[in-house]
């Protein structure tokens, strides 16, 4: 009976120590507090009391970097937030080299974002987000390398400007649109005047062409019953009268 009891206790002892490590996880094992290796996916044994382990998820994680008060290089106060994507590349380092690696990555991202934003003027911050994203990502990735962390991507989400600055940017944008519209209108009028001059020159080369064009225009106008028609005599008609008068003399 004693032997059976001992066997049962031993079996239960080992059963209690069974652990399942999923495919996307790794287990960091400690024996009497000393690191003794990684536990790969599958059914693994962790001896109670003598051994312990930490479960580490290797999938890509997302961190929402909270809005940070920043000062641009040209001394404009703005608020910037971002989203960061990272994953654990070395599970043992993530446990042994840093406490709460998720929190550490978040804090490092915030300070790095504030520092990098301060190196750019407001115009560059608004127009060169890709440059800022890459620079922040490279720095955070390098600093977290010793923690076994791999930063895959960081994206600035919202850039909040002071109210007076938003109004100024809106006025500048409106003025720029008006300038472009004026330029396009002027270019269109120039092209139209050139086409009209070319058409007039072509009509003048053919005798009676201008008169026929006038008649065609009058026919188009007359399709509207409420339209008043003012008939202008083309120069060709006046010249015809002049020739008629000369012959009469």
Protein backbone atom coordinates (compact mmCIF):
# COMPACT_ATOMS: atom_id res chain seq x y z
CA UNK A 1 0.00 0.00 0.00
CA UNK A 2 2.82 2.38 0.85
CA UNK A 3 4.56 1.64 -2.44
CA UNK A 4 1.33 2.16 -4.36
CA UNK A 5 0.81 5.48 -2.57
CA UNK A 6 4.33 6.58 -3.41
CA UNK A 7 3.82 5.63 -7.07
CA UNK A 8 0.56 7.56 -7.19
CA UNK A 9 2.22 10.59 -5.64
CA UNK A 10 5.08 10.44 -8.16
CA UNK A 11 2.68 10.05 -11.09
CA UNK A 12 0.60 12.99 -9.87
CA UNK A 13 3.78 15.01 -9.36
CA UNK A 14 4.78 14.54 -13.00
CA UNK A 15 1.23 15.04 -14.29
CA UNK A 16 0.99 18.37 -12.48
CA UNK A 17 4.23 19.44 -14.16
CA UNK A 18 3.00 18.84 -17.70
CA UNK A 19 2.72 21.99 -19.80
CA UNK A 20 1.59 22.60 -23.38
CA UNK A 21 3.54 25.11 -25.44
CA UNK A 22 1.65 26.34 -28.51
CA UNK A 23 3.21 26.67 -31.95
CA UNK A 24 3.48 30.47 -31.73
CA UNK A 25 4.97 30.37 -28.22
CA UNK A 26 8.23 29.56 -26.51
CA UNK A 27 8.81 28.70 -22.88
CA UNK A 28 11.75 30.10 -20.93
CA UNK A 29 12.64 27.46 -18.31
CA UNK A 30 14.38 27.98 -14.98
CA UNK A 31 15.71 25.25 -12.70
CA UNK A 32 16.19 26.39 -9.09
CA UNK A 33 16.10 29.97 -10.43
CA UNK A 34 18.74 29.40 -13.11
CA UNK A 35 17.98 29.69 -16.80
CA UNK A 36 18.21 26.22 -18.36
CA UNK A 37 16.87 26.68 -21.91
CA UNK A 38 13.88 27.23 -24.14
CA UNK A 39 10.82 25.01 -24.29
CA UNK A 40 9.69 24.43 -27.89
CA UNK A 41 6.07 23.81 -28.98
CA UNK A 42 4.51 20.59 -27.76
CA UNK A 43 3.96 18.77 -24.47
CA UNK A 44 6.70 19.70 -21.99
CA UNK A 45 7.53 18.84 -18.40
CA UNK A 46 8.22 21.43 -15.71
CA UNK A 47 9.00 19.87 -12.35
CA UNK A 48 6.93 21.58 -9.66
CA UNK A 49 8.91 23.44 -6.97
CA UNK A 50 12.22 22.66 -8.67
CA UNK A 51 11.48 24.34 -11.97
CA UNK A 52 9.48 27.28 -13.30
CA UNK A 53 8.86 28.83 -16.69
CA UNK A 54 7.71 31.96 -18.50
CA UNK A 55 5.45 31.81 -21.53
CA UNK A 56 6.47 34.14 -24.41
CA UNK A 57 4.23 34.92 -27.40
CA UNK A 58 6.19 35.26 -30.67
CA UNK A 59 3.39 36.79 -32.74
CA UNK A 60 3.44 40.39 -33.93
CA UNK A 61 2.08 42.70 -31.24
CA UNK A 62 0.53 46.15 -31.58
CA UNK A 63 1.22 49.04 -29.23
CA UNK A 64 -0.88 52.19 -29.39
CA UNK A 65 1.61 54.92 -28.53
CA UNK A 66 -0.38 57.57 -26.61
CA UNK A 67 -0.55 61.18 -27.78
CA UNK A 68 2.64 63.05 -26.88
CA UNK A 69 3.17 66.80 -26.48
CA UNK A 70 6.01 67.71 -28.85
CA UNK A 71 7.75 70.87 -30.00
CA UNK A 72 8.75 71.02 -33.65
CA UNK A 73 12.11 72.40 -34.76
CA UNK A 74 10.44 75.73 -35.60
CA UNK A 75 8.98 75.89 -32.04
CA UNK A 76 5.37 74.96 -32.82
CA UNK A 77 3.60 72.88 -30.13
CA UNK A 78 1.86 69.80 -31.52
CA UNK A 79 0.46 66.51 -30.28
CA UNK A 80 1.43 63.29 -32.03
CA UNK A 81 0.39 59.68 -31.51
CA UNK A 82 1.41 56.51 -33.32
CA UNK A 83 0.98 52.76 -33.57
CA UNK A 84 3.95 50.40 -33.28
CA UNK A 85 4.24 46.78 -34.43
CA UNK A 86 6.85 44.46 -32.98
CA UNK A 87 7.50 40.83 -32.16
CA UNK A 88 9.81 38.88 -29.88
CA UNK A 89 12.75 37.48 -31.82
CA UNK A 90 14.62 35.95 -28.87
CA UNK A 91 12.37 34.75 -26.05
CA UNK A 92 15.22 34.24 -23.57
CA UNK A 93 16.47 37.83 -23.94
CA UNK A 94 12.94 39.22 -23.64
CA UNK A 95 12.69 37.61 -20.19
CA UNK A 96 16.29 37.83 -18.96
CA UNK A 97 17.35 41.27 -20.21
CA UNK A 98 14.34 43.48 -19.47
CA UNK A 99 11.45 43.56 -17.01
CA UNK A 100 8.04 43.72 -18.70
CA UNK A 101 9.31 44.09 -22.25
CA UNK A 102 5.93 45.22 -23.57
CA UNK A 103 5.88 48.21 -21.21
CA UNK A 104 9.55 48.97 -21.93
CA UNK A 105 8.98 49.06 -25.70
CA UNK A 106 6.01 51.40 -25.23
CA UNK A 107 7.99 53.84 -23.07
CA UNK A 108 10.96 53.82 -25.44
CA UNK A 109 8.66 54.50 -28.40
CA UNK A 110 7.16 57.54 -26.68
CA UNK A 111 10.47 59.18 -25.84
CA UNK A 112 11.95 58.42 -29.25
CA UNK A 113 8.92 59.85 -31.05
CA UNK A 114 9.14 63.10 -29.07
CA UNK A 115 12.86 63.44 -29.81
CA UNK A 116 12.57 62.74 -33.54
CA UNK A 117 9.57 65.04 -34.05
CA UNK A 118 11.60 67.82 -32.44
CA UNK A 119 14.24 67.50 -35.17
CA UNK A 120 11.83 68.46 -38.00
CA UNK A 121 9.99 71.63 -39.00
CA UNK A 122 6.20 71.51 -39.00
CA UNK A 123 5.99 71.47 -42.82
CA UNK A 124 8.31 68.45 -42.94
CA UNK A 125 6.37 66.67 -40.19
CA UNK A 126 3.14 67.06 -42.16
CA UNK A 127 4.59 66.18 -45.57
CA UNK A 128 7.31 63.62 -44.73
CA UNK A 129 5.63 61.15 -42.42
CA UNK A 130 7.37 58.24 -44.11
CA UNK A 131 10.76 59.72 -43.25
CA UNK A 132 9.78 60.18 -39.59
CA UNK A 133 8.27 56.69 -39.42
CA UNK A 134 11.47 55.09 -40.70
CA UNK A 135 13.74 57.12 -38.43
CA UNK A 136 11.71 56.32 -35.30
CA UNK A 137 11.44 52.66 -36.27
CA UNK A 138 15.21 52.31 -36.88
CA UNK A 139 16.10 53.86 -33.52
CA UNK A 140 13.59 51.85 -31.49
CA UNK A 141 14.56 48.65 -33.31
CA UNK A 142 18.25 49.23 -32.59
CA UNK A 143 17.69 50.07 -28.91
CA UNK A 144 15.47 47.02 -28.33
CA UNK A 145 17.78 44.60 -30.13
CA UNK A 146 19.50 43.68 -26.85
CA UNK A 147 16.07 42.76 -25.46
CA UNK A 148 15.42 40.25 -28.27
CA UNK A 149 12.75 42.52 -29.76
CA UNK A 150 12.27 43.12 -33.49
CA UNK A 151 10.32 46.27 -34.41
CA UNK A 152 8.61 45.68 -37.76
CA UNK A 153 6.79 48.95 -38.33
CA UNK A 154 5.72 52.25 -36.74
CA UNK A 155 3.17 54.67 -38.16
CA UNK A 156 2.33 58.20 -37.02
CA UNK A 157 -1.47 58.37 -36.84
CA UNK A 158 -2.69 61.82 -35.82
CA UNK A 159 -0.87 65.13 -35.72
CA UNK A 160 -2.90 67.66 -33.73
CA UNK A 161 -2.11 71.33 -34.35
CA UNK A 162 -3.12 74.41 -32.33
CA UNK A 163 -6.35 76.06 -33.52
CA UNK A 164 -4.65 79.22 -34.80
CA UNK A 165 -2.14 77.12 -36.75
CA UNK A 166 -4.94 75.09 -38.37
CA UNK A 167 -6.63 78.33 -39.49
CA UNK A 168 -3.37 79.64 -40.93
CA UNK A 169 -2.76 76.43 -42.87
CA UNK A 170 -6.34 76.53 -44.19
CA UNK A 171 -5.86 80.11 -45.41
CA UNK A 172 -2.59 79.22 -47.11
CA UNK A 173 -4.21 76.21 -48.79
CA UNK A 174 -7.13 78.32 -49.99
CA UNK A 175 -4.80 81.00 -51.39
CA UNK A 176 -2.79 78.33 -53.17
CA UNK A 177 -5.95 76.88 -54.75
CA UNK A 178 -7.03 80.34 -55.92
CA UNK A 179 -3.58 80.99 -57.39
CA UNK A 180 -3.66 77.72 -59.32
CA UNK A 181 -7.20 78.43 -60.55
CA UNK A 182 -6.14 81.87 -61.79
CA UNK A 183 -3.15 80.42 -63.61
CA UNK A 184 -5.28 77.71 -65.25
CA UNK A 185 -7.88 80.27 -66.31
CA UNK A 186 -5.21 82.52 -67.83
CA UNK A 187 -3.65 79.59 -69.67
CA UNK A 188 -7.08 78.58 -71.00
CA UNK A 189 -7.82 82.11 -72.22
CA UNK A 190 -4.41 82.25 -73.93
CA UNK A 191 -5.03 78.97 -75.73
CA UNK A 192 -8.56 80.06 -76.67
CA UNK A 193 -7.36 83.39 -78.09
CA UNK A 194 -4.73 81.59 -80.18
CA UNK A 195 -7.37 79.20 -81.54
CA UNK A 196 -9.72 82.08 -82.36
CA UNK A 197 -6.95 83.98 -84.13
CA UNK A 198 -6.02 80.87 -86.12
CA UNK A 199 -9.67 80.24 -87.05
CA UNK A 200 -10.11 83.88 -88.13
CA UNK A 201 -6.98 83.68 -90.26
CA UNK A 202 -8.21 80.46 -91.92
CA UNK A 203 -11.64 81.99 -92.65
CA UNK A 204 -10.08 85.12 -94.09
CA UNK A 205 -8.16 83.04 -96.65
CA UNK A 206 -11.35 81.70 -98.26
CA UNK A 207 -13.71 84.18 -99.91
CA UNK A 208 -17.23 83.99 -98.47
CA UNK A 209 -16.22 81.70 -95.60
CA UNK A 210 -16.82 84.34 -92.96
CA UNK A 211 -20.24 85.09 -94.38
CA UNK A 212 -21.17 81.38 -94.29
CA UNK A 213 -19.93 81.15 -90.72
CA UNK A 214 -22.10 84.13 -89.77
CA UNK A 215 -25.16 82.50 -91.32
CA UNK A 216 -24.45 79.25 -89.47
CA UNK A 217 -24.19 81.14 -86.18
CA UNK A 218 -27.47 82.93 -86.83
CA UNK A 219 -29.14 79.61 -87.58
CA UNK A 220 -27.89 78.18 -84.27
CA UNK A 221 -29.12 81.21 -82.33
CA UNK A 222 -32.54 81.18 -83.98
CA UNK A 223 -33.33 77.76 -82.50
CA UNK A 224 -34.17 79.57 -79.24
CA UNK A 225 -37.48 81.48 -79.75
CA UNK A 226 -36.87 83.91 -76.85
CA UNK A 227 -33.43 84.95 -78.09
CA UNK A 228 -32.94 88.44 -79.50
CA UNK A 229 -30.76 88.47 -82.62
CA UNK A 230 -28.55 91.38 -83.54
CA UNK A 231 -27.25 90.97 -87.09
CA UNK A 232 -23.81 92.26 -87.83
CA UNK A 233 -22.64 92.67 -91.39
CA UNK A 234 -19.34 90.99 -92.12
CA UNK A 235 -16.59 93.00 -93.71
CA UNK A 236 -16.94 90.91 -96.85
CA UNK A 237 -20.48 92.23 -97.40
CA UNK A 238 -19.33 95.81 -96.93
CA UNK A 239 -16.53 95.24 -99.38
CA UNK A 240 -19.06 93.84 -101.86
CA UNK A 241 -21.10 97.06 -101.57
CA UNK A 242 -17.93 99.07 -102.09
CA UNK A 243 -17.14 97.17 -105.28
CA UNK A 244 -20.71 97.64 -106.46
CA UNK A 245 -20.45 101.38 -105.83
CA UNK A 246 -17.17 101.61 -107.72
CA UNK A 247 -18.66 99.88 -110.76
CA UNK A 248 -21.64 102.22 -110.70
CA UNK A 249 -19.35 105.19 -110.87
